[in-house]
C-alpha cells in the first residue's frame, strides 16, 4: 500500500469507503480527500497535472496521455465515491 493510500484510509471512519484510480502509480497524484459534498460521499482528490505526468512517464505521448485521461479517467463514473480530478489555476 502506498503512503498516499494509507493516509487517505487512515482519515476515514470504519464504515466509509472510497475508490482509487488504478494503477497504483497514480497514487503519486493524490492531493487529498474531499470532506463535504451535499450530493456525494467523500472522494479521493487527484491533481490533473500529476496524473498527466504519470502517464507521460509511462511512455505515452502528450496526445495519448490527454486522450487517455479524458476518456478513461475524467470520463469514468464508478459511483458516488468516484475520485475527483482538479486542475490548479
N, C-alpha and C. Protein backbone atom coordinates (compact mmCIF):
# COMPACT_ATOMS: atom_id res chain seq x y z
N UNK A 1 0.86 -1.18 0.00
CA UNK A 1 0.00 0.00 0.00
C UNK A 1 0.90 1.24 0.00
N UNK A 2 0.58 2.18 -0.87
CA UNK A 2 1.39 3.40 -0.93
C UNK A 2 1.09 4.31 0.26
N UNK A 3 2.02 5.20 0.59
CA UNK A 3 1.78 6.12 1.70
C UNK A 3 0.54 7.00 1.48
N UNK A 4 0.29 7.37 0.23
CA UNK A 4 -0.88 8.20 -0.07
C UNK A 4 -2.18 7.46 0.25
N UNK A 5 -2.26 6.22 -0.18
CA UNK A 5 -3.46 5.42 0.12
C UNK A 5 -3.62 5.22 1.62
N UNK A 6 -2.53 4.91 2.28
CA UNK A 6 -2.59 4.69 3.72
C UNK A 6 -3.08 5.94 4.44
N UNK A 7 -2.61 7.11 4.02
CA UNK A 7 -3.03 8.36 4.66
C UNK A 7 -4.52 8.62 4.45
N UNK A 8 -5.02 8.36 3.24
CA UNK A 8 -6.45 8.55 2.96
C UNK A 8 -7.26 7.58 3.81
N UNK A 9 -6.90 6.32 3.81
CA UNK A 9 -7.65 5.31 4.55
C UNK A 9 -7.63 5.56 6.05
N UNK A 10 -6.54 6.12 6.56
CA UNK A 10 -6.45 6.43 7.99
C UNK A 10 -7.41 7.54 8.39
N UNK A 11 -7.75 8.43 7.45
CA UNK A 11 -8.65 9.54 7.75
C UNK A 11 -10.12 9.12 7.76
N UNK A 12 -10.44 7.99 7.17
CA UNK A 12 -11.83 7.57 7.03
C UNK A 12 -12.32 6.82 8.26
N UNK A 13 -13.61 6.93 8.50
CA UNK A 13 -14.25 6.13 9.54
C UNK A 13 -14.31 4.69 9.06
N UNK A 14 -14.49 3.76 9.97
CA UNK A 14 -14.51 2.34 9.63
C UNK A 14 -15.58 1.98 8.60
N UNK A 15 -16.68 2.72 8.58
CA UNK A 15 -17.77 2.39 7.66
C UNK A 15 -17.71 3.16 6.34
N UNK A 16 -16.68 3.98 6.14
CA UNK A 16 -16.56 4.76 4.91
C UNK A 16 -15.65 4.03 3.92
N UNK A 17 -16.00 4.16 2.65
CA UNK A 17 -15.19 3.58 1.59
C UNK A 17 -14.98 4.62 0.51
N UNK A 18 -13.82 4.58 -0.13
CA UNK A 18 -13.55 5.44 -1.27
C UNK A 18 -12.94 4.60 -2.38
N UNK A 19 -12.92 5.14 -3.56
CA UNK A 19 -12.32 4.47 -4.70
C UNK A 19 -11.05 5.19 -5.11
N UNK A 20 -10.12 4.44 -5.63
CA UNK A 20 -8.86 4.99 -6.13
C UNK A 20 -8.76 4.68 -7.61
N UNK A 21 -8.09 5.57 -8.36
CA UNK A 21 -7.78 5.26 -9.75
C UNK A 21 -6.66 4.23 -9.76
N UNK A 22 -6.67 3.39 -10.74
CA UNK A 22 -5.61 2.40 -10.94
C UNK A 22 -4.83 2.80 -12.19
N UNK A 23 -3.59 2.46 -12.31
CA UNK A 23 -2.77 1.64 -11.42
C UNK A 23 -2.29 2.42 -10.19
N UNK A 24 -1.64 1.70 -9.29
CA UNK A 24 -1.14 2.30 -8.06
C UNK A 24 -0.21 3.48 -8.32
N UNK A 25 0.44 3.51 -9.48
CA UNK A 25 1.35 4.61 -9.81
C UNK A 25 0.66 5.96 -9.79
N UNK A 26 -0.65 5.97 -9.99
CA UNK A 26 -1.39 7.23 -9.94
C UNK A 26 -1.52 7.78 -8.53
N UNK A 27 -1.17 6.97 -7.53
CA UNK A 27 -1.24 7.46 -6.15
C UNK A 27 -0.35 8.69 -5.95
N UNK A 28 0.72 8.82 -6.75
CA UNK A 28 1.58 9.99 -6.63
C UNK A 28 0.85 11.27 -6.98
N UNK A 29 -0.30 11.17 -7.62
CA UNK A 29 -1.09 12.34 -8.00
C UNK A 29 -2.17 12.69 -6.97
N UNK A 30 -2.30 11.89 -5.91
CA UNK A 30 -3.30 12.17 -4.87
C UNK A 30 -2.87 13.41 -4.10
N UNK A 31 -3.83 14.33 -3.94
CA UNK A 31 -3.53 15.53 -3.16
C UNK A 31 -4.44 15.68 -1.95
N UNK A 32 -5.41 14.80 -1.81
CA UNK A 32 -6.25 14.90 -0.63
C UNK A 32 -7.53 14.09 -0.72
N UNK A 33 -8.44 14.46 0.16
CA UNK A 33 -9.72 13.80 0.30
C UNK A 33 -10.79 14.88 0.41
N UNK A 34 -11.83 14.79 -0.41
CA UNK A 34 -12.91 15.77 -0.28
C UNK A 34 -13.68 15.44 1.00
N UNK A 35 -14.06 16.45 1.72
CA UNK A 35 -14.69 16.22 3.02
C UNK A 35 -16.19 16.45 3.01
N UNK A 36 -16.68 17.27 2.09
CA UNK A 36 -18.11 17.54 2.09
C UNK A 36 -18.58 17.84 0.68
N UNK A 37 -19.57 17.11 0.27
CA UNK A 37 -20.30 17.37 -0.96
C UNK A 37 -21.73 16.96 -0.68
N UNK A 38 -22.67 17.88 -0.78
CA UNK A 38 -24.05 17.55 -0.41
C UNK A 38 -24.62 16.33 -1.13
N UNK A 39 -24.24 16.12 -2.37
CA UNK A 39 -24.84 15.01 -3.11
C UNK A 39 -23.92 13.80 -3.25
N UNK A 40 -22.73 13.85 -2.65
CA UNK A 40 -21.79 12.75 -2.80
C UNK A 40 -21.07 12.48 -1.48
N UNK A 41 -20.55 11.28 -1.37
CA UNK A 41 -19.71 10.93 -0.23
C UNK A 41 -18.32 11.52 -0.44
N UNK A 42 -17.46 11.39 0.55
CA UNK A 42 -16.08 11.83 0.40
C UNK A 42 -15.40 11.09 -0.73
N UNK A 43 -14.48 11.76 -1.41
CA UNK A 43 -13.80 11.18 -2.56
C UNK A 43 -12.32 11.50 -2.51
N UNK A 44 -11.51 10.61 -3.06
CA UNK A 44 -10.09 10.88 -3.23
C UNK A 44 -9.95 11.96 -4.29
N UNK A 45 -9.02 12.90 -4.07
CA UNK A 45 -8.82 14.02 -4.99
C UNK A 45 -7.43 13.90 -5.61
N UNK A 46 -7.40 13.98 -6.94
CA UNK A 46 -6.16 13.90 -7.71
C UNK A 46 -5.87 15.22 -8.40
N UNK A 47 -4.61 15.50 -8.62
CA UNK A 47 -4.15 16.69 -9.34
C UNK A 47 -3.98 16.31 -10.82
N UNK A 48 -4.65 17.04 -11.70
CA UNK A 48 -4.63 16.73 -13.14
C UNK A 48 -3.20 16.70 -13.69
N UNK A 49 -2.40 17.72 -13.35
CA UNK A 49 -1.04 17.78 -13.90
C UNK A 49 -0.20 16.59 -13.45
N UNK A 50 -0.42 16.14 -12.22
CA UNK A 50 0.32 14.98 -11.72
C UNK A 50 -0.16 13.68 -12.37
N UNK A 51 -1.47 13.59 -12.64
CA UNK A 51 -1.99 12.42 -13.37
C UNK A 51 -1.38 12.39 -14.76
N UNK A 52 -1.35 13.53 -15.42
CA UNK A 52 -0.78 13.62 -16.77
C UNK A 52 0.71 13.26 -16.75
N UNK A 53 1.43 13.77 -15.76
CA UNK A 53 2.86 13.47 -15.65
C UNK A 53 3.09 11.97 -15.48
N UNK A 54 2.20 11.31 -14.73
CA UNK A 54 2.34 9.86 -14.56
C UNK A 54 2.24 9.16 -15.92
N UNK A 55 1.21 9.49 -16.68
CA UNK A 55 1.04 8.82 -17.97
C UNK A 55 2.17 9.14 -18.94
N UNK A 56 2.67 10.36 -18.90
CA UNK A 56 3.81 10.70 -19.75
C UNK A 56 5.04 9.88 -19.34
N UNK A 57 5.18 9.61 -18.04
CA UNK A 57 6.33 8.83 -17.57
C UNK A 57 6.26 7.36 -18.00
N UNK A 58 5.08 6.91 -18.41
CA UNK A 58 4.94 5.53 -18.87
C UNK A 58 5.29 5.37 -20.35
N UNK A 59 5.61 6.50 -21.00
CA UNK A 59 5.98 6.45 -22.41
C UNK A 59 4.91 6.95 -23.36
N UNK A 60 3.76 7.35 -22.83
CA UNK A 60 2.72 7.90 -23.70
C UNK A 60 3.15 9.26 -24.22
N UNK A 61 2.73 9.57 -25.44
CA UNK A 61 2.95 10.92 -25.97
C UNK A 61 1.97 11.86 -25.27
N UNK A 62 2.16 13.16 -25.43
CA UNK A 62 1.25 14.12 -24.82
C UNK A 62 -0.18 13.91 -25.31
N UNK A 63 -0.33 13.66 -26.60
CA UNK A 63 -1.67 13.44 -27.17
C UNK A 63 -2.29 12.16 -26.62
N UNK A 64 -1.52 11.10 -26.54
CA UNK A 64 -2.03 9.84 -25.99
C UNK A 64 -2.44 10.01 -24.53
N UNK A 65 -1.60 10.69 -23.76
CA UNK A 65 -1.91 10.89 -22.35
C UNK A 65 -3.19 11.71 -22.18
N UNK A 66 -3.32 12.78 -22.95
CA UNK A 66 -4.52 13.62 -22.86
C UNK A 66 -5.78 12.84 -23.24
N UNK A 67 -5.70 12.05 -24.31
CA UNK A 67 -6.86 11.26 -24.72
C UNK A 67 -7.20 10.20 -23.67
N UNK A 68 -6.18 9.54 -23.12
CA UNK A 68 -6.41 8.51 -22.10
C UNK A 68 -7.10 9.12 -20.88
N UNK A 69 -6.58 10.25 -20.43
CA UNK A 69 -7.15 10.91 -19.25
C UNK A 69 -8.59 11.34 -19.52
N UNK A 70 -8.83 11.97 -20.66
CA UNK A 70 -10.18 12.44 -20.97
C UNK A 70 -11.19 11.30 -20.98
N UNK A 71 -10.83 10.18 -21.60
CA UNK A 71 -11.79 9.09 -21.75
C UNK A 71 -11.84 8.17 -20.54
N UNK A 72 -10.67 7.74 -20.06
CA UNK A 72 -10.61 6.69 -19.03
C UNK A 72 -10.54 7.19 -17.59
N UNK A 73 -10.21 8.45 -17.42
CA UNK A 73 -10.09 8.97 -16.06
C UNK A 73 -11.22 9.97 -15.80
N UNK A 74 -11.24 11.05 -16.55
CA UNK A 74 -12.30 12.05 -16.35
C UNK A 74 -13.67 11.52 -16.73
N UNK A 75 -13.69 10.59 -17.68
CA UNK A 75 -14.95 10.04 -18.14
C UNK A 75 -15.43 8.83 -17.36
N UNK A 76 -14.69 8.44 -16.34
CA UNK A 76 -15.04 7.24 -15.57
C UNK A 76 -16.00 7.60 -14.44
N UNK A 77 -17.18 7.00 -14.45
CA UNK A 77 -18.11 7.15 -13.33
C UNK A 77 -18.21 5.79 -12.67
N UNK A 78 -17.77 5.72 -11.41
CA UNK A 78 -17.75 4.45 -10.69
C UNK A 78 -18.66 4.51 -9.48
N UNK A 79 -19.56 5.46 -9.46
CA UNK A 79 -20.46 5.62 -8.32
C UNK A 79 -20.15 6.89 -7.56
N UNK A 80 -20.85 7.05 -6.44
CA UNK A 80 -20.75 8.32 -5.73
C UNK A 80 -19.39 8.57 -5.10
N UNK A 81 -18.54 7.57 -4.99
CA UNK A 81 -17.20 7.81 -4.48
C UNK A 81 -16.14 7.83 -5.58
N UNK A 82 -16.58 8.06 -6.83
CA UNK A 82 -15.65 8.22 -7.93
C UNK A 82 -14.68 9.35 -7.58
N UNK A 83 -13.39 9.11 -7.76
CA UNK A 83 -12.42 10.17 -7.45
C UNK A 83 -12.66 11.45 -8.25
N UNK A 84 -12.17 12.54 -7.70
CA UNK A 84 -12.27 13.85 -8.31
C UNK A 84 -10.90 14.24 -8.83
N UNK A 85 -10.85 14.85 -10.00
CA UNK A 85 -9.60 15.37 -10.55
C UNK A 85 -9.74 16.88 -10.64
N UNK A 86 -8.76 17.59 -10.08
CA UNK A 86 -8.82 19.05 -10.15
C UNK A 86 -7.68 19.57 -11.01
N UNK A 87 -7.91 20.72 -11.61
CA UNK A 87 -6.86 21.40 -12.35
C UNK A 87 -6.57 22.69 -11.60
N UNK A 88 -5.33 22.82 -11.17
CA UNK A 88 -4.95 24.02 -10.41
C UNK A 88 -4.86 25.21 -11.34
N UNK A 89 -5.26 26.35 -10.83
CA UNK A 89 -5.21 27.60 -11.62
C UNK A 89 -4.22 28.55 -11.00
